[in-house]
Amino acid sequence: MVGTNIGLAILSLIIGSLGGLIWYANRSGRNAAQLKADDEALSLAQQTIRVVQNMAQAEADKPNTAEELINRLNNKKS
């Protein structure tokens, strides 16, 4: 009777440990996937910022008059 109780206790400990390991591995996998998704989102956000900055700079550098535009185009050809 005592041997059966000890056997059940050991079996319960083993099953509980396996369940804990499965839970931990699953959690680690989800965390790794989330980190990858976060890195991709950060990369996309940085790329979008660069595009917006370049567009803003192009808007700031645009010629104000037709004469400035002609001069700018002529200077690029030289």
N, C-alpha and C. Protein backbone atom coordinates (compact mmCIF):
# COMPACT_ATOMS: atom_id res chain seq x y z
N MET A 1 0.82 -1.19 0.00
CA MET A 1 0.00 0.00 0.00
C MET A 1 0.87 1.26 0.00
N VAL A 2 1.91 1.24 0.86
CA VAL A 2 2.80 2.39 0.92
C VAL A 2 3.60 2.50 -0.37
N GLY A 3 4.02 1.37 -0.91
CA GLY A 3 4.76 1.36 -2.17
C GLY A 3 3.94 1.90 -3.32
N THR A 4 2.65 1.63 -3.33
CA THR A 4 1.75 2.13 -4.37
C THR A 4 1.62 3.64 -4.27
N ASN A 5 1.51 4.18 -3.05
CA ASN A 5 1.41 5.62 -2.85
C ASN A 5 2.68 6.33 -3.31
N ILE A 6 3.83 5.74 -3.00
CA ILE A 6 5.10 6.33 -3.42
C ILE A 6 5.21 6.29 -4.95
N GLY A 7 4.81 5.18 -5.54
CA GLY A 7 4.84 5.04 -6.99
C GLY A 7 3.94 6.08 -7.67
N LEU A 8 2.75 6.28 -7.10
CA LEU A 8 1.83 7.28 -7.66
C LEU A 8 2.39 8.69 -7.49
N ALA A 9 3.05 8.94 -6.35
CA ALA A 9 3.65 10.25 -6.12
C ALA A 9 4.77 10.50 -7.13
N ILE A 10 5.59 9.52 -7.37
CA ILE A 10 6.68 9.67 -8.35
C ILE A 10 6.11 9.85 -9.75
N LEU A 11 5.10 9.08 -10.10
CA LEU A 11 4.46 9.21 -11.41
C LEU A 11 3.84 10.59 -11.57
N SER A 12 3.20 11.09 -10.53
CA SER A 12 2.61 12.43 -10.57
C SER A 12 3.69 13.50 -10.75
N LEU A 13 4.82 13.33 -10.06
CA LEU A 13 5.94 14.26 -10.18
C LEU A 13 6.50 14.26 -11.60
N ILE A 14 6.65 13.09 -12.18
CA ILE A 14 7.18 12.98 -13.55
C ILE A 14 6.21 13.63 -14.55
N ILE A 15 4.93 13.33 -14.43
CA ILE A 15 3.94 13.90 -15.34
C ILE A 15 3.88 15.42 -15.19
N GLY A 16 3.92 15.90 -13.95
CA GLY A 16 3.92 17.33 -13.71
C GLY A 16 5.15 18.01 -14.30
N SER A 17 6.31 17.37 -14.15
CA SER A 17 7.54 17.92 -14.71
C SER A 17 7.49 17.97 -16.23
N LEU A 18 6.99 16.91 -16.85
CA LEU A 18 6.86 16.90 -18.31
C LEU A 18 5.90 17.99 -18.78
N GLY A 19 4.80 18.13 -18.06
CA GLY A 19 3.84 19.19 -18.41
C GLY A 19 4.48 20.57 -18.30
N GLY A 20 5.26 20.77 -17.25
CA GLY A 20 5.96 22.05 -17.09
C GLY A 20 6.96 22.30 -18.20
N LEU A 21 7.69 21.28 -18.59
CA LEU A 21 8.66 21.43 -19.68
C LEU A 21 7.96 21.75 -21.00
N ILE A 22 6.85 21.11 -21.27
CA ILE A 22 6.09 21.38 -22.50
C ILE A 22 5.58 22.81 -22.48
N TRP A 23 5.05 23.25 -21.35
CA TRP A 23 4.54 24.62 -21.22
C TRP A 23 5.67 25.62 -21.45
N TYR A 24 6.84 25.38 -20.83
CA TYR A 24 7.98 26.30 -20.95
C TYR A 24 8.48 26.36 -22.41
N ALA A 25 8.58 25.21 -23.07
CA ALA A 25 9.05 25.18 -24.46
C ALA A 25 8.07 25.92 -25.37
N ASN A 26 6.79 25.73 -25.15
CA ASN A 26 5.78 26.41 -25.95
C ASN A 26 5.85 27.92 -25.74
N ARG A 27 6.03 28.33 -24.51
CA ARG A 27 6.14 29.76 -24.18
C ARG A 27 7.39 30.36 -24.82
N SER A 28 8.50 29.64 -24.77
CA SER A 28 9.74 30.13 -25.38
C SER A 28 9.58 30.29 -26.89
N GLY A 29 8.91 29.34 -27.52
CA GLY A 29 8.68 29.43 -28.96
C GLY A 29 7.83 30.63 -29.33
N ARG A 30 6.81 30.89 -28.53
CA ARG A 30 5.96 32.05 -28.80
C ARG A 30 6.73 33.35 -28.58
N ASN A 31 7.56 33.40 -27.56
CA ASN A 31 8.36 34.60 -27.31
C ASN A 31 9.34 34.85 -28.45
N ALA A 32 9.96 33.80 -28.96
CA ALA A 32 10.89 33.95 -30.07
C ALA A 32 10.17 34.44 -31.32
N ALA A 33 8.98 33.93 -31.57
CA ALA A 33 8.21 34.37 -32.73
C ALA A 33 7.80 35.83 -32.58
N GLN A 34 7.46 36.24 -31.37
CA GLN A 34 7.07 37.63 -31.13
C GLN A 34 8.26 38.56 -31.33
N LEU A 35 9.44 38.14 -30.88
CA LEU A 35 10.64 38.96 -31.08
C LEU A 35 10.94 39.14 -32.56
N LYS A 36 10.78 38.08 -33.34
CA LYS A 36 11.02 38.18 -34.78
C LYS A 36 10.02 39.14 -35.42
N ALA A 37 8.76 39.04 -35.03
CA ALA A 37 7.73 39.93 -35.57
C ALA A 37 8.02 41.38 -35.17
N ASP A 38 8.47 41.59 -33.94
CA ASP A 38 8.80 42.94 -33.48
C ASP A 38 9.98 43.52 -34.27
N ASP A 39 10.98 42.69 -34.53
CA ASP A 39 12.13 43.15 -35.32
C ASP A 39 11.71 43.53 -36.74
N GLU A 40 10.84 42.74 -37.33
CA GLU A 40 10.35 43.06 -38.68
C GLU A 40 9.54 44.34 -38.69
N ALA A 41 8.72 44.54 -37.67
CA ALA A 41 7.92 45.77 -37.58
C ALA A 41 8.81 46.98 -37.38
N LEU A 42 9.86 46.84 -36.58
CA LEU A 42 10.81 47.94 -36.37
C LEU A 42 11.53 48.29 -37.66
N SER A 43 11.95 47.28 -38.40
CA SER A 43 12.63 47.51 -39.67
C SER A 43 11.71 48.24 -40.66
N LEU A 44 10.47 47.83 -40.74
CA LEU A 44 9.50 48.47 -41.63
C LEU A 44 9.25 49.92 -41.20
N ALA A 45 9.15 50.15 -39.91
CA ALA A 45 8.92 51.51 -39.40
C ALA A 45 10.12 52.41 -39.72
N GLN A 46 11.33 51.89 -39.57
CA GLN A 46 12.53 52.68 -39.88
C GLN A 46 12.60 53.00 -41.37
N GLN A 47 12.24 52.05 -42.21
CA GLN A 47 12.23 52.26 -43.65
C GLN A 47 11.19 53.33 -44.02
N THR A 48 10.04 53.27 -43.41
CA THR A 48 8.99 54.26 -43.66
C THR A 48 9.45 55.65 -43.23
N ILE A 49 10.12 55.74 -42.10
CA ILE A 49 10.63 57.03 -41.62
C ILE A 49 11.63 57.60 -42.61
N ARG A 50 12.53 56.76 -43.14
CA ARG A 50 13.52 57.25 -44.12
C ARG A 50 12.82 57.80 -45.37
N VAL A 51 11.80 57.10 -45.85
CA VAL A 51 11.07 57.55 -47.04
C VAL A 51 10.39 58.89 -46.77
N VAL A 52 9.75 59.01 -45.62
CA VAL A 52 9.05 60.26 -45.28
C VAL A 52 10.06 61.40 -45.13
N GLN A 53 11.20 61.14 -44.52
CA GLN A 53 12.23 62.17 -44.38
C GLN A 53 12.74 62.62 -45.74
N ASN A 54 12.97 61.67 -46.64
CA ASN A 54 13.43 62.01 -47.99
C ASN A 54 12.38 62.82 -48.74
N MET A 55 11.12 62.46 -48.58
CA MET A 55 10.05 63.21 -49.24
C MET A 55 9.97 64.63 -48.68
N ALA A 56 10.11 64.77 -47.38
CA ALA A 56 10.07 66.10 -46.76
C ALA A 56 11.26 66.94 -47.22
N GLN A 57 12.44 66.31 -47.33
CA GLN A 57 13.62 67.04 -47.80
C GLN A 57 13.46 67.46 -49.25
N ALA A 58 12.90 66.60 -50.08
CA ALA A 58 12.67 66.94 -51.48
C ALA A 58 11.68 68.11 -51.58
N GLU A 59 10.68 68.10 -50.74
CA GLU A 59 9.70 69.20 -50.73
C GLU A 59 10.37 70.50 -50.29
N ALA A 60 11.27 70.41 -49.31
CA ALA A 60 11.95 71.61 -48.83
C ALA A 60 12.94 72.15 -49.86
N ASP A 61 13.52 71.27 -50.65
CA ASP A 61 14.55 71.68 -51.62
C ASP A 61 13.98 72.06 -52.98
N LYS A 62 12.69 71.95 -53.18
CA LYS A 62 12.13 72.20 -54.51
C LYS A 62 12.27 73.69 -54.87
N PRO A 63 12.43 73.97 -56.15
CA PRO A 63 12.54 75.36 -56.59
C PRO A 63 11.20 76.08 -56.44
N ASN A 64 11.27 77.36 -56.13
CA ASN A 64 10.04 78.13 -55.90
C ASN A 64 9.50 78.76 -57.17
N THR A 65 10.37 79.02 -58.11
CA THR A 65 9.92 79.68 -59.34
C THR A 65 10.37 78.87 -60.55
N ALA A 66 9.81 79.20 -61.70
CA ALA A 66 10.19 78.52 -62.94
C ALA A 66 11.66 78.80 -63.26
N GLU A 67 12.12 80.00 -62.98
CA GLU A 67 13.52 80.37 -63.25
C GLU A 67 14.47 79.53 -62.39
N GLU A 68 14.12 79.34 -61.11
CA GLU A 68 14.94 78.50 -60.24
C GLU A 68 14.96 77.05 -60.74
N LEU A 69 13.82 76.58 -61.24
CA LEU A 69 13.75 75.23 -61.78
C LEU A 69 14.64 75.08 -62.99
N ILE A 70 14.60 76.05 -63.90
CA ILE A 70 15.44 75.98 -65.11
C ILE A 70 16.91 76.02 -64.72
N ASN A 71 17.28 76.89 -63.81
CA ASN A 71 18.66 76.97 -63.35
C ASN A 71 19.12 75.66 -62.69
N ARG A 72 18.25 75.08 -61.91
CA ARG A 72 18.59 73.81 -61.24
C ARG A 72 18.78 72.70 -62.27
N LEU A 73 17.90 72.63 -63.25
CA LEU A 73 18.02 71.59 -64.28
C LEU A 73 19.28 71.81 -65.12
N ASN A 74 19.58 73.04 -65.45
CA ASN A 74 20.77 73.34 -66.23
C ASN A 74 22.05 73.02 -65.45
N ASN A 75 22.04 73.26 -64.16
CA ASN A 75 23.21 72.97 -63.32
C ASN A 75 23.46 71.48 -63.22
N LYS A 76 22.44 70.67 -63.23
CA LYS A 76 22.60 69.22 -63.15
C LYS A 76 23.16 68.65 -64.44
N LYS A 77 22.89 69.31 -65.59
CA LYS A 77 23.40 68.83 -66.85
C LYS A 77 24.88 69.11 -67.02
N SER A 78 25.37 70.12 -66.35
CA SER A 78 26.78 70.52 -66.49
C SER A 78 27.72 69.56 -65.80
